[in-house]
Structure formats: C-alpha cells, structure tokens
Protein backbone atom coordinates (compact mmCIF):
# COMPACT_ATOMS: atom_id res chain seq x y z
CA MET A 1 -0.16 -0.27 -0.03
CA ILE A 2 1.13 3.47 -0.80
CA LEU A 3 1.44 5.23 2.27
CA LEU A 4 3.20 8.92 0.67
CA GLU A 5 3.16 10.06 -2.73
CA LEU A 6 4.70 13.06 -4.05
CA GLU A 7 3.58 13.85 -7.69
CA ASN A 8 5.26 16.80 -9.66
CA VAL A 9 6.26 18.66 -6.62
CA HIS A 10 8.35 22.08 -7.05
CA ILE A 11 9.84 23.84 -3.86
CA SER A 12 11.26 27.06 -3.76
CA TYR A 13 13.33 29.41 -1.59
CA GLY A 14 12.09 32.41 -2.17
CA ARG A 15 13.35 32.88 -5.96
CA SER A 16 15.48 30.24 -5.80
CA HIS A 17 13.88 26.93 -7.49
CA ILE A 18 15.04 24.07 -5.83
CA ILE A 19 13.10 20.79 -6.32
CA PHE A 20 11.65 20.34 -10.02
CA GLY A 21 8.69 18.44 -10.25
CA ILE A 22 9.67 15.61 -8.15
CA SER A 23 7.43 12.20 -8.62
CA PHE A 24 8.34 9.30 -5.90
CA ASP A 25 6.18 6.73 -3.58
CA VAL A 26 6.90 5.80 -0.24
CA MET A 27 5.47 2.24 0.71
CA SER A 28 3.68 1.01 3.59
CA GLY A 29 6.35 -0.78 5.93
CA ASN A 30 9.44 0.14 3.65
CA VAL A 31 12.70 1.77 4.30
CA THR A 32 12.71 4.48 1.31
CA SER A 33 16.25 6.00 1.33
CA LEU A 34 16.62 9.55 -0.96
CA LEU A 35 20.14 9.91 -1.75
CA GLY A 36 22.17 12.16 -2.79
CA ARG A 37 25.28 14.56 -2.62
CA ASN A 38 25.19 17.50 -0.31
CA GLY A 39 22.75 20.00 -1.19
CA VAL A 40 21.22 18.32 -4.03
CA GLY A 41 17.47 19.27 -2.20
CA LYS A 42 17.44 15.83 -0.10
CA THR A 43 16.51 18.03 2.97
CA THR A 44 14.47 20.59 1.19
CA THR A 45 12.09 17.80 0.03
CA VAL A 46 11.60 16.72 3.61
CA ARG A 47 11.05 20.17 4.50
CA GLY A 48 8.24 19.92 1.87
CA ILE A 49 6.66 17.11 2.92
CA MET A 50 6.43 18.40 6.50
CA GLY A 51 5.33 21.26 5.87
CA ILE A 52 7.88 23.98 6.58
CA THR A 53 8.92 24.69 3.21
CA PRO A 54 5.85 23.89 1.62
CA PRO A 55 5.37 23.33 -2.32
CA PHE A 56 4.35 25.88 -4.74
CA SER A 57 3.59 23.23 -7.16
CA GLY A 58 2.53 19.80 -7.22
CA THR A 59 0.52 17.15 -4.60
CA ILE A 60 1.39 15.01 -1.77
CA LYS A 61 -0.71 12.78 -0.50
CA PHE A 62 -0.67 10.57 2.56
CA GLU A 63 -3.06 7.64 3.07
CA GLY A 64 -4.59 9.06 0.47
CA GLU A 65 -5.03 12.64 1.79
CA GLU A 66 -3.64 15.64 0.27
CA ILE A 67 -1.56 17.28 2.46
CA THR A 68 0.08 19.67 0.54
CA ARG A 69 0.97 22.73 2.31
CA ARG A 70 -0.84 22.20 6.02
CA PRO A 71 1.13 23.04 8.81
CA PRO A 72 3.53 21.21 10.10
CA TYR A 73 1.39 20.52 13.48
CA VAL A 74 -1.44 19.08 11.20
CA ILE A 75 1.09 16.86 9.65
CA SER A 76 2.24 15.80 12.82
CA ARG A 77 -0.49 15.41 14.16
CA ILE A 78 -1.97 13.15 11.49
CA GLY A 79 1.30 10.44 11.80
CA ILE A 80 4.23 11.59 10.26
CA GLY A 81 7.38 12.23 12.06
CA TYR A 82 10.75 14.71 11.50
CA VAL A 83 13.95 13.77 12.59
CA PRO A 84 15.52 17.36 11.09
CA GLU A 85 19.25 17.07 10.42
CA ASP A 86 20.75 19.56 13.67
CA LYS A 87 18.71 16.86 16.11
CA ARG A 88 17.22 19.44 17.86
CA ILE A 89 16.67 18.14 21.06
CA PHE A 90 16.47 20.20 24.28
CA ARG A 91 19.94 20.41 25.54
CA SER A 92 18.77 22.44 28.58
CA LEU A 93 16.02 19.21 29.79
CA LYS A 94 16.87 16.01 30.93
CA VAL A 95 16.40 12.91 28.60
CA TRP A 96 13.36 11.86 30.50
CA GLU A 97 11.98 15.31 29.94
CA ASN A 98 13.27 15.02 26.30
CA LEU A 99 10.95 12.02 25.68
CA LYS A 100 7.62 13.31 27.69
CA LEU A 101 7.76 16.54 25.42
CA GLY A 102 7.91 13.92 22.34
CA ARG A 103 4.28 12.35 23.99
CA MET A 104 0.85 14.26 21.66
CA LYS A 105 -1.46 16.08 24.17
CA ASN A 106 -4.20 14.03 25.07
CA GLN A 107 -2.50 10.68 23.32
CA THR A 108 -3.94 7.73 24.93
CA ASP A 109 -3.04 5.31 22.71
CA VAL A 110 -1.77 2.75 24.98
CA ALA A 111 -0.20 0.53 22.44
CA GLY A 112 1.49 3.67 21.45
CA TRP A 113 5.05 4.48 22.09
CA SER A 114 5.65 4.58 25.67
CA ILE A 115 9.51 6.03 28.10
CA GLU A 116 9.50 2.15 28.86
CA ARG A 117 9.69 1.10 25.53
CA ILE A 118 11.90 3.62 24.31
CA TYR A 119 14.27 2.84 26.84
CA ALA A 120 14.29 -1.06 25.63
CA LEU A 121 14.84 -0.03 22.19
CA PHE A 122 17.67 2.41 23.68
CA PRO A 123 19.29 1.35 26.56
CA ILE A 124 21.66 3.77 26.81
CA LEU A 125 18.78 6.70 26.61
CA LYS A 126 17.93 4.58 30.17
CA GLU A 127 21.02 4.53 31.49
CA ARG A 128 21.42 8.28 30.48
CA SER A 129 17.67 9.55 31.34
CA HIS A 130 18.86 11.85 34.04
CA SER A 131 21.88 13.30 32.02
CA TRP A 132 21.31 17.25 30.45
CA GLY A 133 20.90 17.04 26.79
CA THR A 134 24.62 19.04 26.99
CA GLN A 135 26.34 16.12 28.81
CA LEU A 136 25.39 13.38 25.51
CA SER A 137 27.82 12.08 22.63
CA GLY A 138 26.57 12.98 19.16
CA GLY A 139 25.20 9.15 18.73
CA GLU A 140 23.00 9.83 22.31
CA GLN A 141 21.60 12.57 20.67
CA GLN A 142 20.91 10.88 17.50
CA MET A 143 19.21 8.52 19.66
CA LEU A 144 17.35 10.97 21.61
CA ALA A 145 15.83 13.14 18.73
CA ILE A 146 14.77 9.53 17.65
CA ALA A 147 13.15 8.45 20.76
CA ARG A 148 11.28 11.70 21.20
CA THR A 149 9.59 11.29 17.46
CA LEU A 150 8.57 8.28 18.05
CA MET A 151 6.90 9.28 21.27
CA GLY A 152 4.55 11.07 18.87
CA ASN A 153 3.75 7.45 17.60
CA PRO A 154 4.28 8.26 14.01
CA LYS A 155 3.22 5.88 10.86
CA LEU A 156 5.94 7.32 8.48
CA LEU A 157 9.28 8.54 9.94
CA LEU A 158 10.93 11.14 7.76
CA LEU A 159 15.11 11.02 8.80
CA ASP A 160 17.14 13.93 7.70
CA GLU A 161 20.56 13.07 7.31
CA PRO A 162 21.05 10.73 10.34
CA SER A 163 24.53 9.66 10.19
CA GLN A 164 26.08 12.91 9.20
CA GLY A 165 29.03 13.18 12.07
CA LEU A 166 28.90 9.61 13.51
CA ALA A 167 31.55 6.85 13.10
CA PRO A 168 31.40 3.80 11.24
CA ILE A 169 30.07 1.49 14.54
CA LEU A 170 27.76 4.65 15.54
CA GLN A 171 26.32 4.17 11.68
CA ARG A 172 26.10 0.59 12.06
CA ARG A 173 23.87 0.94 15.46
CA LEU A 174 21.94 3.30 13.58
CA ALA A 175 21.06 1.09 10.77
CA GLY A 176 19.92 -1.56 13.74
CA THR A 177 17.66 1.10 14.57
CA ILE A 178 16.05 1.62 11.32
CA ARG A 179 15.63 -2.02 10.79
CA THR A 180 14.27 -2.49 13.91
CA LEU A 181 11.52 0.06 13.30
CA ARG A 182 10.67 -1.72 10.18
CA GLN A 183 9.94 -4.97 12.10
CA GLU A 184 7.77 -2.49 14.43
CA GLY A 185 5.59 -1.21 11.63
CA ILE A 186 7.12 2.06 10.78
CA THR A 187 7.31 3.25 7.68
CA VAL A 188 10.72 5.59 6.86
CA LEU A 189 11.95 7.91 4.51
CA LEU A 190 15.78 8.49 4.90
CA ALA A 191 17.40 11.47 3.57
CA GLU A 192 21.12 10.53 3.52
CA GLN A 193 24.41 10.88 1.31
CA SER A 194 25.36 7.47 2.79
CA LEU A 195 25.44 4.37 0.37
CA ARG A 196 26.81 2.49 3.16
CA LEU A 197 23.72 2.99 5.29
CA ALA A 198 21.26 3.36 2.57
CA SER A 199 22.30 -0.52 1.41
CA GLU A 200 21.86 -2.00 4.69
CA VAL A 201 18.59 -0.76 5.42
CA SER A 202 16.94 0.55 2.26
CA ASP A 203 13.80 -1.57 0.03
CA ARG A 204 14.14 1.37 -2.49
CA VAL A 205 15.88 3.94 -2.98
CA HIS A 206 15.77 7.24 -5.41
CA ILE A 207 18.69 9.75 -6.20
CA LEU A 208 18.61 13.41 -6.39
CA GLU A 209 20.79 15.54 -8.72
CA LYS A 210 20.05 19.37 -8.42
CA GLY A 211 16.56 18.88 -7.40
CA VAL A 212 15.68 16.26 -10.03
CA LEU A 213 15.38 12.92 -9.70
CA ARG A 214 17.87 10.65 -11.74
CA PHE A 215 17.36 7.04 -10.68
CA GLU A 216 14.52 5.27 -8.91
CA GLY A 217 14.67 1.48 -7.74
CA THR A 218 15.38 -1.30 -5.53
CA ILE A 219 18.83 -0.97 -3.78
CA ASP A 220 20.45 -4.22 -5.25
CA GLU A 221 19.56 -2.42 -8.93
CA LEU A 222 21.57 0.58 -7.69
CA ASN A 223 24.65 -1.04 -6.24
CA ALA A 224 24.37 -3.25 -9.67
CA ASP A 225 24.84 0.25 -11.10
CA GLU A 226 28.40 1.53 -11.23
CA ARG A 227 27.71 4.53 -13.50
CA ILE A 228 24.79 5.67 -11.58
CA LYS A 229 26.78 5.55 -8.46
CA ARG A 230 29.63 6.79 -10.15
CA GLU A 231 27.68 9.69 -11.38
CA TYR A 232 25.52 10.88 -8.83
CA LEU A 233 26.93 9.77 -5.47
CA ALA A 234 30.70 9.38 -5.62
CA VAL A 235 32.35 12.80 -3.96
C-alpha cells in the first residue's frame, strides 16, 4: 500500500527554485532512501513533506489524503514524524524530559510508544535518563532525537541525514535501529548521503541531483549500477 505519494512537486526558497517536479511513492512498511550529494535538495524535499517549506506546485498525499501546504503541527498529528538534520533536542532538559515533550497532547494510545518501550529500544537512554542534553555524545543525541519523535507514535518517520557526524560503529548501530523500526511497523523515509547506510536498510532508493530525480529502483539495482553511483553519489 502506498503511504506517501509525491506528484510533480516543485519547491523554492524565495526566488530560488530548488526542487523540479519530483514524483515518487513510499510504500507502507518499507524503508525508502532519498540519496544524493550535499546540496541537491534532500532536506528541502523532507521539509516540503513536513510542511515547513511547502511546495508551490504539485501534490503530496499521505494515506491517500492530500496534505500539500498543511501546517507542520497538522502533519505531525496525522502520523508523520520528523527528525531534522541538526537533531534539535532540548539541551537544557534531561533525557526523560525530552521524551515526555515528544508525547502528543491528549495521546491515549496504550499500544503506542512509551518511555519504557523507548528504553527497551535504546538502553543507553535509560542509563542516561537523568543526564542533561548537553552531556550526551553525538550518537546519544541522535538516538534521543529519534526516540522523542517516536513518542508521538508516527506511522511515517522522516530521517534527515541521521548518519552525519557519526563514527562508523555508530552508523552500524543506527542501521540496526532503522531495521528494528521497520520490524515494528514504522515506515521510514531516509534522506542520506551515505550509500553504505542506505545499502544496509533500504528497500527502494531514489537519487536526487540538482533538484531532479535521476534514479529510482531497489537497492540491489542501484548497487549493480556503477555508472549511476559514480555519476551521482561519488564525492
């Protein structure tokens, strides 16, 4: 089933046209990666889906309902969670306080994500539950950013450059976390530069170059195409 659908989406910042008529689907239960070098429009696309930088043309649908240009708080409430590139945890609050802030007001879904369930997925956060945000390492901050978003019980999780600044061992742990989330039934759209991370977790891949989609297919199809990797992903 198609969970998220973009059709002929154009996005700009002021007079700068950034995204040029992209179209792609995200299937329920899958991990879909949006790959490309720095500055090609991955973050802009994710922000467009979230309503932060809405498209000026085209449509975005979630569960068959158009959400184009809806405000971010509405998009969050219908089941899309966003973990931005810069994490944006509350550094002046403790870990458990960050998690409590991620829970939706009046949220009563007992089958959803609780702090106890979060601690089972991220044991280090349980150990650091009374640590201030400023005391966490980069990897721990990334875990907390994802965990806080999960507290809102999203159906679709948007991850923007989650591997940025992480050591290889932490990237491997991140891959394990993403696979676990897929097993938990959460659909993931991963905006990334790292082909290694995408190869470990992705079902399908889309490649952006200068705001235009240049490739779409399975991760196996991408890994078999050296020309595409060299032309659009090599640094």
